[in-house]
PDB file of N, CA and C in Angstrom:
ATOM      1  N   MET A   1       0.823  -1.141   0.023  1.00  0.00           N
ATOM      2  CA  MET A   1       0.045   0.004   0.014  1.00  0.00           C
ATOM      3  C   MET A   1       0.915   1.171   0.005  1.00  0.00           C
ATOM      4  N   ASN A   2       0.661   2.074  -0.892  1.00  0.00           N
ATOM      5  CA  ASN A   2       1.422   3.187  -1.066  1.00  0.00           C
ATOM      6  C   ASN A   2       0.774   4.470  -0.179  1.00  0.00           C
ATOM      7  N   VAL A   3       1.564   5.540  -0.262  1.00  0.00           N
ATOM      8  CA  VAL A   3       1.146   6.833   0.486  1.00  0.00           C
ATOM      9  C   VAL A   3       0.082   7.430  -0.072  1.00  0.00           C
ATOM     10  N   PHE A   4      -0.173   7.413  -1.354  1.00  0.00           N
ATOM     11  CA  PHE A   4      -1.215   8.087  -2.112  1.00  0.00           C
ATOM     12  C   PHE A   4      -2.557   7.227  -1.721  1.00  0.00           C
ATOM     13  N   LEU A   5      -2.517   5.883  -1.609  1.00  0.00           N
ATOM     14  CA  LEU A   5      -3.621   5.151  -1.154  1.00  0.00           C
ATOM     15  C   LEU A   5      -3.978   5.480   0.293  1.00  0.00           C
ATOM     16  N   TRP A   6      -2.958   5.468   1.104  1.00  0.00           N
ATOM     17  CA  TRP A   6      -3.326   5.873   2.567  1.00  0.00           C
ATOM     18  C   TRP A   6      -3.997   7.379   2.660  1.00  0.00           C
ATOM     19  N   ALA A   7      -3.395   8.249   1.788  1.00  0.00           N
ATOM     20  CA  ALA A   7      -4.048   9.649   1.836  1.00  0.00           C
ATOM     21  C   ALA A   7      -5.519   9.528   1.350  1.00  0.00           C
ATOM     22  N   GLY A   8      -5.741   8.705   0.273  1.00  0.00           N
ATOM     23  CA  GLY A   8      -7.186   8.484  -0.273  1.00  0.00           C
ATOM     24  C   GLY A   8      -8.004   7.942   0.791  1.00  0.00           C
ATOM     25  N   VAL A   9      -7.564   7.021   1.470  1.00  0.00           N
ATOM     26  CA  VAL A   9      -8.284   6.491   2.569  1.00  0.00           C
ATOM     27  C   VAL A   9      -8.671   7.559   3.712  1.00  0.00           C
ATOM     28  N   ILE A  10      -7.663   8.349   4.152  1.00  0.00           N
ATOM     29  CA  ILE A  10      -7.947   9.266   5.064  1.00  0.00           C
ATOM     30  C   ILE A  10      -8.876  10.363   4.567  1.00  0.00           C
ATOM     31  N   LEU A  11      -8.612  10.886   3.389  1.00  0.00           N
ATOM     32  CA  LEU A  11      -9.492  11.916   2.874  1.00  0.00           C
ATOM     33  C   LEU A  11     -10.985  11.422   2.560  1.00  0.00           C
ATOM     34  N   ILE A  12     -11.047  10.447   2.053  1.00  0.00           N
ATOM     35  CA  ILE A  12     -12.318   9.830   1.573  1.00  0.00           C
ATOM     36  C   ILE A  12     -13.085   9.435   2.898  1.00  0.00           C
ATOM     37  N   GLY A  13     -12.354   8.821   3.798  1.00  0.00           N
ATOM     38  CA  GLY A  13     -12.991   8.487   5.121  1.00  0.00           C
ATOM     39  C   GLY A  13     -13.601   9.587   5.860  1.00  0.00           C
ATOM     40  N   GLY A  14     -12.743  10.738   5.859  1.00  0.00           N
ATOM     41  CA  GLY A  14     -13.271  11.848   6.434  1.00  0.00           C
ATOM     42  C   GLY A  14     -14.406  12.497   5.754  1.00  0.00           C
ATOM     43  N   ALA A  15     -14.504  12.367   4.410  1.00  0.00           N
ATOM     44  CA  ALA A  15     -15.639  12.913   3.747  1.00  0.00           C
ATOM     45  C   ALA A  15     -16.872  11.989   4.107  1.00  0.00           C
ATOM     46  N   GLY A  16     -16.724  10.819   4.194  1.00  0.00           N
ATOM     47  CA  GLY A  16     -17.765   9.772   4.397  1.00  0.00           C
ATOM     48  C   GLY A  16     -18.407  10.142   5.737  1.00  0.00           C
ATOM     49  N   SER A  17     -17.457  10.424   6.808  1.00  0.00           N
ATOM     50  CA  SER A  17     -18.015  10.634   8.113  1.00  0.00           C
ATOM     51  C   SER A  17     -18.907  11.951   8.157  1.00  0.00           C
ATOM     52  N   VAL A  18     -18.244  12.943   7.455  1.00  0.00           N
ATOM     53  CA  VAL A  18     -18.969  14.177   7.344  1.00  0.00           C
ATOM     54  C   VAL A  18     -20.373  14.074   6.715  1.00  0.00           C
ATOM     55  N   ALA A  19     -20.391  13.337   5.636  1.00  0.00           N
ATOM     56  CA  ALA A  19     -21.637  13.021   4.935  1.00  0.00           C
ATOM     57  C   ALA A  19     -22.714  12.255   5.979  1.00  0.00           C
ATOM     58  N   ARG A  20     -22.230  11.427   6.641  1.00  0.00           N
ATOM     59  CA  ARG A  20     -23.026  10.769   7.755  1.00  0.00           C
ATOM     60  C   ARG A  20     -23.674  11.763   8.615  1.00  0.00           C
ATOM     61  N   PHE A  21     -22.874  12.707   9.153  1.00  0.00           N
ATOM     62  CA  PHE A  21     -23.209  13.611  10.166  1.00  0.00           C
ATOM     63  C   PHE A  21     -24.319  14.671   9.558  1.00  0.00           C
ATOM     64  N   LEU A  22     -23.985  14.962   8.272  1.00  0.00           N
ATOM     65  CA  LEU A  22     -25.039  15.818   7.667  1.00  0.00           C
ATOM     66  C   LEU A  22     -26.356  15.145   7.303  1.00  0.00           C
ATOM     67  N   ALA A  23     -26.141  13.944   6.805  1.00  0.00           N
ATOM     68  CA  ALA A  23     -27.344  13.076   6.380  1.00  0.00           C
ATOM     69  C   ALA A  23     -28.228  12.873   7.667  1.00  0.00           C
ATOM     70  N   ASP A  24     -27.654  12.449   8.832  1.00  0.00           N
ATOM     71  CA  ASP A  24     -28.406  12.201   9.928  1.00  0.00           C
ATOM     72  C   ASP A  24     -29.109  13.407  10.370  1.00  0.00           C
ATOM     73  N   GLY A  25     -28.339  14.669  10.328  1.00  0.00           N
ATOM     74  CA  GLY A  25     -29.051  15.882  10.809  1.00  0.00           C
ATOM     75  C   GLY A  25     -30.291  16.188   9.941  1.00  0.00           C
ATOM     76  N   VAL A  26     -30.183  16.050   8.630  1.00  0.00           N
ATOM     77  CA  VAL A  26     -31.380  16.269   7.692  1.00  0.00           C
ATOM     78  C   VAL A  26     -32.432  15.393   8.112  1.00  0.00           C
ATOM     79  N   VAL A  27     -32.279  13.999   8.213  1.00  0.00           N
ATOM     80  CA  VAL A  27     -33.249  13.032   8.303  1.00  0.00           C
ATOM     81  C   VAL A  27     -33.914  13.284   9.704  1.00  0.00           C
ATOM     82  N   ALA A  28     -33.071  13.450  10.701  1.00  0.00           N
ATOM     83  CA  ALA A  28     -33.521  13.637  12.098  1.00  0.00           C
ATOM     84  C   ALA A  28     -34.358  14.874  12.244  1.00  0.00           C
ATOM     85  N   SER A  29     -34.095  15.958  11.522  1.00  0.00           N
ATOM     86  CA  SER A  29     -34.789  17.148  11.611  1.00  0.00           C
ATOM     87  C   SER A  29     -36.147  17.037  10.946  1.00  0.00           C
ATOM     88  N   ALA A  30     -36.259  16.085   9.978  1.00  0.00           N
ATOM     89  CA  ALA A  30     -37.455  16.010   9.217  1.00  0.00           C
ATOM     90  C   ALA A  30     -38.332  14.923   9.795  1.00  0.00           C
ATOM     91  N   ALA A  31     -37.786  13.943  10.535  1.00  0.00           N
ATOM     92  CA  ALA A  31     -38.577  12.758  11.062  1.00  0.00           C
ATOM     93  C   ALA A  31     -38.582  12.944  12.570  1.00  0.00           C
ATOM     94  N   GLY A  32     -37.796  13.727  13.180  1.00  0.00           N
ATOM     95  CA  GLY A  32     -37.796  13.721  14.759  1.00  0.00           C
ATOM     96  C   GLY A  32     -36.820  12.710  15.257  1.00  0.00           C
ATOM     97  N   ARG A  33     -36.757  12.866  16.525  1.00  0.00           N
ATOM     98  CA  ARG A  33     -35.574  12.001  17.178  1.00  0.00           C
ATOM     99  C   ARG A  33     -36.215  10.976  18.095  1.00  0.00           C
ATOM    100  N   ASP A  34     -37.507  10.654  17.985  1.00  0.00           N
ATOM    101  CA  ASP A  34     -38.076   9.488  18.860  1.00  0.00           C
ATOM    102  C   ASP A  34     -37.640   8.192  18.363  1.00  0.00           C
ATOM    103  N   PHE A  35     -37.387   8.081  17.077  1.00  0.00           N
ATOM    104  CA  PHE A  35     -36.751   6.807  16.501  1.00  0.00           C
ATOM    105  C   PHE A  35     -35.586   7.082  15.787  1.00  0.00           C
ATOM    106  N   PRO A  36     -34.568   6.371  15.706  1.00  0.00           N
ATOM    107  CA  PRO A  36     -33.238   6.752  15.074  1.00  0.00           C
ATOM    108  C   PRO A  36     -33.391   6.631  13.455  1.00  0.00           C
ATOM    109  N   PHE A  37     -34.320   7.422  12.917  1.00  0.00           N
ATOM    110  CA  PHE A  37     -34.427   7.290  11.489  1.00  0.00           C
ATOM    111  C   PHE A  37     -33.212   7.608  10.687  1.00  0.00           C
ATOM    112  N   GLY A  38     -32.444   8.614  11.255  1.00  0.00           N
ATOM    113  CA  GLY A  38     -31.256   9.053  10.502  1.00  0.00           C
ATOM    114  C   GLY A  38     -30.278   7.958  10.416  1.00  0.00           C
ATOM    115  N   THR A  39     -30.019   7.229  11.488  1.00  0.00           N
ATOM    116  CA  THR A  39     -29.088   6.175  11.288  1.00  0.00           C
ATOM    117  C   THR A  39     -29.571   4.930  10.458  1.00  0.00           C
ATOM    118  N   LEU A  40     -30.930   4.655  10.542  1.00  0.00           N
ATOM    119  CA  LEU A  40     -31.451   3.756   9.624  1.00  0.00           C
ATOM    120  C   LEU A  40     -31.336   4.001   8.190  1.00  0.00           C
ATOM    121  N   VAL A  41     -31.633   5.283   7.800  1.00  0.00           N
ATOM    122  CA  VAL A  41     -31.448   5.753   6.373  1.00  0.00           C
ATOM    123  C   VAL A  41     -30.105   5.683   5.905  1.00  0.00           C
ATOM    124  N   ILE A  42     -29.128   6.118   6.833  1.00  0.00           N
ATOM    125  CA  ILE A  42     -27.733   6.004   6.513  1.00  0.00           C
ATOM    126  C   ILE A  42     -27.312   4.563   6.293  1.00  0.00           C
ATOM    127  N   ASN A  43     -27.560   3.660   7.264  1.00  0.00           N
ATOM    128  CA  ASN A  43     -27.149   2.272   7.097  1.00  0.00           C
ATOM    129  C   ASN A  43     -27.693   1.473   5.929  1.00  0.00           C
ATOM    130  N   VAL A  44     -28.914   1.780   5.657  1.00  0.00           N
ATOM    131  CA  VAL A  44     -29.628   1.111   4.539  1.00  0.00           C
ATOM    132  C   VAL A  44     -29.147   1.642   3.225  1.00  0.00           C
ATOM    133  N   SER A  45     -28.842   2.937   3.042  1.00  0.00           N
ATOM    134  CA  SER A  45     -28.254   3.613   1.911  1.00  0.00           C
ATOM    135  C   SER A  45     -26.932   3.049   1.675  1.00  0.00           C
ATOM    136  N   GLY A  46     -26.229   2.912   2.838  1.00  0.00           N
ATOM    137  CA  GLY A  46     -24.849   2.338   2.701  1.00  0.00           C
ATOM    138  C   GLY A  46     -24.788   1.009   2.253  1.00  0.00           C
ATOM    139  N   ALA A  47     -25.746   0.232   2.880  1.00  0.00           N
ATOM    140  CA  ALA A  47     -25.723  -1.255   2.473  1.00  0.00           C
ATOM    141  C   ALA A  47     -26.002  -1.292   0.879  1.00  0.00           C
ATOM    142  N   MET A  48     -26.911  -0.475   0.373  1.00  0.00           N
ATOM    143  CA  MET A  48     -27.169  -0.575  -1.055  1.00  0.00           C
ATOM    144  C   MET A  48     -26.021  -0.155  -1.889  1.00  0.00           C
ATOM    145  N   ILE A  49     -25.343   0.962  -1.513  1.00  0.00           N
ATOM    146  CA  ILE A  49     -24.145   1.347  -2.208  1.00  0.00           C
ATOM    147  C   ILE A  49     -23.012   0.321  -2.093  1.00  0.00           C
ATOM    148  N   LEU A  50     -22.749  -0.342  -0.975  1.00  0.00           N
ATOM    149  CA  LEU A  50     -21.862  -1.493  -0.784  1.00  0.00           C
ATOM    150  C   LEU A  50     -22.153  -2.638  -1.649  1.00  0.00           C
ATOM    151  N   GLY A  51     -23.496  -3.012  -1.755  1.00  0.00           N
ATOM    152  CA  GLY A  51     -23.835  -4.048  -2.601  1.00  0.00           C
ATOM    153  C   GLY A  51     -23.693  -3.666  -4.004  1.00  0.00           C
ATOM    154  N   LEU A  52     -23.936  -2.491  -4.418  1.00  0.00           N
ATOM    155  CA  LEU A  52     -23.599  -1.908  -5.713  1.00  0.00           C
ATOM    156  C   LEU A  52     -22.108  -2.157  -6.070  1.00  0.00           C
ATOM    157  N   LEU A  53     -21.322  -1.633  -5.234  1.00  0.00           N
ATOM    158  CA  LEU A  53     -19.965  -1.745  -5.481  1.00  0.00           C
ATOM    159  C   LEU A  53     -19.344  -3.264  -5.594  1.00  0.00           C
ATOM    160  N   THR A  54     -19.872  -4.004  -4.741  1.00  0.00           N
ATOM    161  CA  THR A  54     -19.659  -5.452  -4.840  1.00  0.00           C
ATOM    162  C   THR A  54     -20.109  -6.016  -6.067  1.00  0.00           C
ATOM    163  N   GLY A  55     -21.201  -5.580  -6.700  1.00  0.00           N
ATOM    164  CA  GLY A  55     -21.709  -6.187  -8.031  1.00  0.00           C
ATOM    165  C   GLY A  55     -20.811  -5.660  -9.090  1.00  0.00           C
ATOM    166  N   LEU A  56     -20.224  -4.469  -8.859  1.00  0.00           N
ATOM    167  CA  LEU A  56     -19.240  -4.044  -9.985  1.00  0.00           C
ATOM    168  C   LEU A  56     -18.013  -4.794 -10.002  1.00  0.00           C
ATOM    169  N   ALA A  57     -17.601  -5.625  -8.907  1.00  0.00           N
ATOM    170  CA  ALA A  57     -16.506  -6.218  -9.034  1.00  0.00           C
ATOM    171  C   ALA A  57     -15.181  -5.357  -9.182  1.00  0.00           C
ATOM    172  N   LEU A  58     -15.099  -4.430  -8.224  1.00  0.00           N
ATOM    173  CA  LEU A  58     -13.903  -3.488  -8.451  1.00  0.00           C
ATOM    174  C   LEU A  58     -12.685  -4.185  -8.018  1.00  0.00           C
ATOM    175  N   GLY A  59     -11.563  -3.571  -8.452  1.00  0.00           N
ATOM    176  CA  GLY A  59     -10.231  -3.974  -7.997  1.00  0.00           C
ATOM    177  C   GLY A  59      -9.950  -3.720  -6.666  1.00  0.00           C
ATOM    178  N   HIS A  60      -8.891  -4.268  -6.136  1.00  0.00           N
ATOM    179  CA  HIS A  60      -8.527  -4.151  -4.673  1.00  0.00           C
ATOM    180  C   HIS A  60      -8.485  -2.750  -4.203  1.00  0.00           C
ATOM    181  N   ASP A  61      -7.740  -1.807  -4.883  1.00  0.00           N
ATOM    182  CA  ASP A  61      -7.598  -0.597  -4.413  1.00  0.00           C
ATOM    183  C   ASP A  61      -8.871   0.156  -4.516  1.00  0.00           C
ATOM    184  N   GLN A  62      -9.586   0.139  -5.646  1.00  0.00           N
ATOM    185  CA  GLN A  62     -10.871   0.794  -5.823  1.00  0.00           C
ATOM    186  C   GLN A  62     -11.779   0.295  -4.753  1.00  0.00           C
ATOM    187  N   ALA A  63     -11.926  -1.036  -4.458  1.00  0.00           N
ATOM    188  CA  ALA A  63     -12.825  -1.453  -3.387  1.00  0.00           C
ATOM    189  C   ALA A  63     -12.424  -0.951  -1.999  1.00  0.00           C
ATOM    190  N   LEU A  64     -11.092  -0.684  -1.764  1.00  0.00           N
ATOM    191  CA  LEU A  64     -10.690  -0.172  -0.558  1.00  0.00           C
ATOM    192  C   LEU A  64     -11.058   1.203  -0.381  1.00  0.00           C
ATOM    193  N   LEU A  65     -10.797   2.017  -1.490  1.00  0.00           N
ATOM    194  CA  LEU A  65     -11.273   3.474  -1.393  1.00  0.00           C
ATOM    195  C   LEU A  65     -12.795   3.653  -1.295  1.00  0.00           C
ATOM    196  N   ALA A  66     -13.476   2.877  -2.181  1.00  0.00           N
ATOM    197  CA  ALA A  66     -14.965   3.197  -2.337  1.00  0.00           C
ATOM    198  C   ALA A  66     -15.727   2.286  -1.036  1.00  0.00           C
ATOM    199  N   GLY A  67     -15.251   1.166  -0.996  1.00  0.00           N
ATOM    200  CA  GLY A  67     -16.093   0.391   0.166  1.00  0.00           C
ATOM    201  C   GLY A  67     -15.686   0.667   1.517  1.00  0.00           C
ATOM    202  N   THR A  68     -14.375   0.487   1.804  1.00  0.00           N
ATOM    203  CA  THR A  68     -13.927   0.688   3.198  1.00  0.00           C
ATOM    204  C   THR A  68     -13.835   2.209   3.634  1.00  0.00           C
ATOM    205  N   ALA A  69     -13.144   3.028   2.812  1.00  0.00           N
ATOM    206  CA  ALA A  69     -13.089   4.489   3.178  1.00  0.00           C
ATOM    207  C   ALA A  69     -14.327   5.134   3.137  1.00  0.00           C
ATOM    208  N   ALA A  70     -15.019   5.098   2.045  1.00  0.00           N
ATOM    209  CA  ALA A  70     -16.176   5.802   1.630  1.00  0.00           C
ATOM    210  C   ALA A  70     -17.391   5.388   2.423  1.00  0.00           C
ATOM    211  N   VAL A  71     -17.853   4.124   2.149  1.00  0.00           N
ATOM    212  CA  VAL A  71     -19.060   3.522   2.688  1.00  0.00           C
ATOM    213  C   VAL A  71     -18.717   3.180   4.171  1.00  0.00           C
ATOM    214  N   GLY A  72     -17.550   2.659   4.591  1.00  0.00           N
ATOM    215  CA  GLY A  72     -17.257   2.308   5.829  1.00  0.00           C
ATOM    216  C   GLY A  72     -17.281   3.414   6.760  1.00  0.00           C
ATOM    217  N   SER A  73     -16.899   4.673   6.305  1.00  0.00           N
ATOM    218  CA  SER A  73     -16.937   5.783   7.247  1.00  0.00           C
ATOM    219  C   SER A  73     -18.235   6.404   7.208  1.00  0.00           C
ATOM    220  N   TYR A  74     -19.173   6.209   6.264  1.00  0.00           N
ATOM    221  CA  TYR A  74     -20.343   6.732   6.058  1.00  0.00           C
ATOM    222  C   TYR A  74     -21.477   5.865   6.950  1.00  0.00           C
ATOM    223  N   THR A  75     -21.379   4.580   6.950  1.00  0.00           N
ATOM    224  CA  THR A  75     -22.276   3.767   7.686  1.00  0.00           C
ATOM    225  C   THR A  75     -21.762   3.702   9.151  1.00  0.00           C
ATOM    226  N   THR A  76     -22.552   3.239  10.039  1.00  0.00           N
ATOM    227  CA  THR A  76     -22.225   3.226  11.398  1.00  0.00           C
ATOM    228  C   THR A  76     -23.087   2.141  12.212  1.00  0.00           C
ATOM    229  N   PHE A  77     -22.198   1.105  12.511  1.00  0.00           N
ATOM    230  CA  PHE A  77     -22.811  -0.044  13.350  1.00  0.00           C
ATOM    231  C   PHE A  77     -22.810   0.395  14.932  1.00  0.00           C
ATOM    232  N   SER A  78     -21.773   1.098  15.158  1.00  0.00           N
ATOM    233  CA  SER A  78     -21.677   1.577  16.689  1.00  0.00           C
ATOM    234  C   SER A  78     -22.869   2.367  17.058  1.00  0.00           C
ATOM    235  N   THR A  79     -23.145   3.311  16.379  1.00  0.00           N
ATOM    236  CA  THR A  79     -24.219   4.329  16.614  1.00  0.00           C
ATOM    237  C   THR A  79     -25.623   3.390  16.522  1.00  0.00           C
ATOM    238  N   TRP A  80     -25.806   2.576  15.581  1.00  0.00           N
ATOM    239  CA  TRP A  80     -26.899   1.807  15.495  1.00  0.00           C
ATOM    240  C   TRP A  80     -27.108   1.089  16.860  1.00  0.00           C
ATOM    241  N   MET A  81     -26.048   0.424  17.411  1.00  0.00           N
ATOM    242  CA  MET A  81     -26.147  -0.345  18.484  1.00  0.00           C
ATOM    243  C   MET A  81     -26.403   0.513  19.716  1.00  0.00           C
ATOM    244  N   PHE A  82     -25.688   1.715  19.822  1.00  0.00           N
ATOM    245  CA  PHE A  82     -25.831   2.681  20.866  1.00  0.00           C
ATOM    246  C   PHE A  82     -27.337   3.108  20.929  1.00  0.00           C
ATOM    247  N   GLU A  83     -27.930   3.490  19.774  1.00  0.00           N
ATOM    248  CA  GLU A  83     -29.295   3.931  19.775  1.00  0.00           C
ATOM    249  C   GLU A  83     -30.383   2.861  20.237  1.00  0.00           C
ATOM    250  N   THR A  84     -29.915   1.705  19.805  1.00  0.00           N
ATOM    251  CA  THR A  84     -30.851   0.584  20.246  1.00  0.00           C
ATOM    252  C   THR A  84     -30.723   0.339  21.692  1.00  0.00           C
ATOM    253  N   GLU A  85     -29.660   0.327  22.188  1.00  0.00           N
ATOM    254  CA  GLU A  85     -29.368   0.295  23.753  1.00  0.00           C
ATOM    255  C   GLU A  85     -30.066   1.339  24.495  1.00  0.00           C
ATOM    256  N   ARG A  86     -29.975   2.549  23.862  1.00  0.00           N
ATOM    257  CA  ARG A  86     -30.625   3.684  24.538  1.00  0.00           C
ATOM    258  C   ARG A  86     -32.135   3.489  24.592  1.00  0.00           C
ATOM    259  N   LEU A  87     -32.694   3.084  23.458  1.00  0.00           N
ATOM    260  CA  LEU A  87     -34.159   2.759  23.450  1.00  0.00           C
ATOM    261  C   LEU A  87     -34.491   1.690  24.512  1.00  0.00           C
ATOM    262  N   ALA A  88     -33.716   0.711  24.611  1.00  0.00           N
ATOM    263  CA  ALA A  88     -34.040  -0.353  25.579  1.00  0.00           C
ATOM    264  C   ALA A  88     -33.932   0.083  27.006  1.00  0.00           C
ATOM    265  N   GLU A  89     -32.809   1.015  27.242  1.00  0.00           N
ATOM    266  CA  GLU A  89     -32.705   1.575  28.419  1.00  0.00           C
ATOM    267  C   GLU A  89     -33.861   2.537  28.976  1.00  0.00           C
ATOM    268  N   GLU A  90     -34.425   3.107  28.020  1.00  0.00           N
ATOM    269  CA  GLU A  90     -35.695   4.011  28.171  1.00  0.00           C
ATOM    270  C   GLU A  90     -36.922   3.043  28.227  1.00  0.00           C
ATOM    271  N   ARG A  91     -36.778   1.688  28.167  1.00  0.00           N
ATOM    272  CA  ARG A  91     -37.912   0.941  28.249  1.00  0.00           C
ATOM    273  C   ARG A  91     -38.852   1.068  27.025  1.00  0.00           C
ATOM    274  N   GLN A  92     -38.207   1.375  25.858  1.00  0.00           N
ATOM    275  CA  GLN A  92     -38.932   1.521  24.614  1.00  0.00           C
ATOM    276  C   GLN A  92     -38.609   0.247  23.842  1.00  0.00           C
ATOM    277  N   TYR A  93     -39.103  -0.859  24.235  1.00  0.00           N
ATOM    278  CA  TYR A  93     -38.623  -2.188  23.907  1.00  0.00           C
ATOM    279  C   TYR A  93     -39.086  -2.453  22.452  1.00  0.00           C
ATOM    280  N   ARG A  94     -40.310  -1.985  22.179  1.00  0.00           N
ATOM    281  CA  ARG A  94     -40.819  -2.214  20.790  1.00  0.00           C
ATOM    282  C   ARG A  94     -40.006  -1.420  19.773  1.00  0.00           C
ATOM    283  N   ARG A  95     -39.644  -0.306  20.130  1.00  0.00           N
ATOM    284  CA  ARG A  95     -38.832   0.556  19.169  1.00  0.00           C
ATOM    285  C   ARG A  95     -37.436   0.067  19.124  1.00  0.00           C
ATOM    286  N   ALA A  96     -36.900  -0.343  20.233  1.00  0.00           N
ATOM    287  CA  ALA A  96     -35.542  -1.210  20.096  1.00  0.00           C
ATOM    288  C   ALA A  96     -35.580  -2.305  19.216  1.00  0.00           C
ATOM    289  N   ALA A  97     -36.634  -3.162  19.466  1.00  0.00           N
ATOM    290  CA  ALA A  97     -36.685  -4.331  18.658  1.00  0.00           C
ATOM    291  C   ALA A  97     -36.884  -3.973  17.127  1.00  0.00           C
ATOM    292  N   ALA A  98     -37.822  -3.031  16.918  1.00  0.00           N
ATOM    293  CA  ALA A  98     -38.078  -2.529  15.526  1.00  0.00           C
ATOM    294  C   ALA A  98     -36.697  -1.978  14.832  1.00  0.00           C
ATOM    295  N   ASN A  99     -35.955  -1.329  15.730  1.00  0.00           N
ATOM    296  CA  ASN A  99     -34.724  -0.763  15.081  1.00  0.00           C
ATOM    297  C   ASN A  99     -33.736  -1.965  14.587  1.00  0.00           C
ATOM    298  N   VAL A 100     -33.656  -3.058  15.357  1.00  0.00           N
ATOM    299  CA  VAL A 100     -32.880  -4.087  14.966  1.00  0.00           C
ATOM    300  C   VAL A 100     -33.568  -4.691  13.842  1.00  0.00           C
ATOM    301  N   ILE A 101     -34.693  -5.109  13.994  1.00  0.00           N
ATOM    302  CA  ILE A 101     -35.309  -6.006  12.834  1.00  0.00           C
ATOM    303  C   ILE A 101     -35.507  -5.241  11.482  1.00  0.00           C
ATOM    304  N   VAL A 102     -35.987  -3.991  11.535  1.00  0.00           N
ATOM    305  CA  VAL A 102     -35.975  -3.190  10.300  1.00  0.00           C
ATOM    306  C   VAL A 102     -34.728  -2.917   9.712  1.00  0.00           C
ATOM    307  N   SER A 103     -33.630  -2.619  10.634  1.00  0.00           N
ATOM    308  CA  SER A 103     -32.339  -2.302  10.074  1.00  0.00           C
ATOM    309  C   SER A 103     -31.831  -3.521   9.336  1.00  0.00           C
ATOM    310  N   LEU A 104     -32.021  -4.745   9.843  1.00  0.00           N
ATOM    311  CA  LEU A 104     -31.328  -5.946   9.327  1.00  0.00           C
ATOM    312  C   LEU A 104     -32.201  -6.253   7.996  1.00  0.00           C
ATOM    313  N   VAL A 105     -33.438  -6.303   7.975  1.00  0.00           N
ATOM    314  CA  VAL A 105     -34.261  -6.827   6.953  1.00  0.00           C
ATOM    315  C   VAL A 105     -33.932  -5.646   5.690  1.00  0.00           C
ATOM    316  N   LEU A 106     -34.104  -4.437   6.003  1.00  0.00           N
ATOM    317  CA  LEU A 106     -33.968  -3.370   4.986  1.00  0.00           C
ATOM    318  C   LEU A 106     -32.408  -3.437   4.472  1.00  0.00           C
ATOM    319  N   GLY A 107     -31.494  -3.519   5.401  1.00  0.00           N
ATOM    320  CA  GLY A 107     -30.052  -3.507   5.020  1.00  0.00           C
ATOM    321  C   GLY A 107     -29.674  -4.648   4.050  1.00  0.00           C
ATOM    322  N   VAL A 108     -30.123  -5.863   4.447  1.00  0.00           N
ATOM    323  CA  VAL A 108     -29.783  -7.037   3.665  1.00  0.00           C
ATOM    324  C   VAL A 108     -30.592  -6.914   2.370  1.00  0.00           C
ATOM    325  N   ALA A 109     -31.776  -6.408   2.229  1.00  0.00           N
ATOM    326  CA  ALA A 109     -32.516  -6.275   1.026  1.00  0.00           C
ATOM    327  C   ALA A 109     -31.835  -5.257   0.155  1.00  0.00           C
ATOM    328  N   ALA A 110     -31.494  -4.235   0.728  1.00  0.00           N
ATOM    329  CA  ALA A 110     -30.772  -3.039  -0.012  1.00  0.00           C
ATOM    330  C   ALA A 110     -29.412  -3.509  -0.569  1.00  0.00           C
ATOM    331  N   ALA A 111     -28.619  -4.223   0.262  1.00  0.00           N
ATOM    332  CA  ALA A 111     -27.340  -4.903  -0.183  1.00  0.00           C
ATOM    333  C   ALA A 111     -27.628  -5.766  -1.437  1.00  0.00           C
ATOM    334  N   ALA A 112     -28.501  -6.618  -1.308  1.00  0.00           N
ATOM    335  CA  ALA A 112     -28.941  -7.603  -2.384  1.00  0.00           C
ATOM    336  C   ALA A 112     -29.350  -6.884  -3.679  1.00  0.00           C
ATOM    337  N   LEU A 113     -30.155  -5.790  -3.606  1.00  0.00           N
ATOM    338  CA  LEU A 113     -30.559  -4.972  -4.755  1.00  0.00           C
ATOM    339  C   LEU A 113     -29.437  -4.244  -5.366  1.00  0.00           C
ATOM    340  N   GLY A 114     -28.633  -3.689  -4.403  1.00  0.00           N
ATOM    341  CA  GLY A 114     -27.311  -2.908  -4.949  1.00  0.00           C
ATOM    342  C   GLY A 114     -26.465  -3.929  -5.659  1.00  0.00           C
ATOM    343  N   ARG A 115     -26.300  -5.039  -5.231  1.00  0.00           N
ATOM    344  CA  ARG A 115     -25.440  -6.118  -5.848  1.00  0.00           C
ATOM    345  C   ARG A 115     -25.926  -6.446  -7.259  1.00  0.00           C
ATOM    346  N   LEU A 116     -27.347  -6.733  -7.265  1.00  0.00           N
ATOM    347  CA  LEU A 116     -27.954  -7.156  -8.505  1.00  0.00           C
ATOM    348  C   LEU A 116     -27.835  -5.930  -9.515  1.00  0.00           C
ATOM    349  N   ILE A 117     -28.090  -4.658  -9.080  1.00  0.00           N
ATOM    350  CA  ILE A 117     -27.888  -3.538 -10.133  1.00  0.00           C
ATOM    351  C   ILE A 117     -26.406  -3.439 -10.489  1.00  0.00           C
ATOM    352  N   GLY A 118     -25.522  -3.629  -9.639  1.00  0.00           N
ATOM    353  CA  GLY A 118     -24.139  -3.551  -9.839  1.00  0.00           C
ATOM    354  C   GLY A 118     -23.686  -4.641 -10.778  1.00  0.00           C
ATOM    355  N   ALA A 119     -24.149  -5.774 -10.807  1.00  0.00           N
ATOM    356  CA  ALA A 119     -23.671  -6.852 -11.580  1.00  0.00           C
ATOM    357  C   ALA A 119     -24.265  -6.605 -12.988  1.00  0.00           C
ATOM    358  N   HIS A 120     -25.364  -5.824 -13.184  1.00  0.00           N
ATOM    359  CA  HIS A 120     -26.001  -5.571 -14.446  1.00  0.00           C
ATOM    360  C   HIS A 120     -25.447  -4.409 -15.110  1.00  0.00           C
ATOM    361  N   LEU A 121     -24.554  -3.671 -14.401  1.00  0.00           N
ATOM    362  CA  LEU A 121     -23.926  -2.418 -15.088  1.00  0.00           C
ATOM    363  C   LEU A 121     -22.742  -2.640 -15.861  1.00  0.00           C
TER     364      LEU A 121
END
């Protein structure tokens, strides 16, 4: 791995995390903060993009930059789990369960759809 690839990972990763922050703010301001819709939208859209990239069968360096740096910094497993735990702590068990189930079902479906689309491009 060369210095330019490392620099790309750093810059693209930073941009992905800023995009996540902005997207979460837009979605949360539109939908409210009672349910973590921002994180849901981010993770489902990220799963779709990662599926698309997988379907495109990128080379190693392209996959590293697009998949790991961009999508990996845009999506967030830790925030998803933190928000689920917060809902459970607040005894909002149905919302916590819905967050897990809906995220998994939509995420897997989005990844499959993205992969299908990518394979046909």
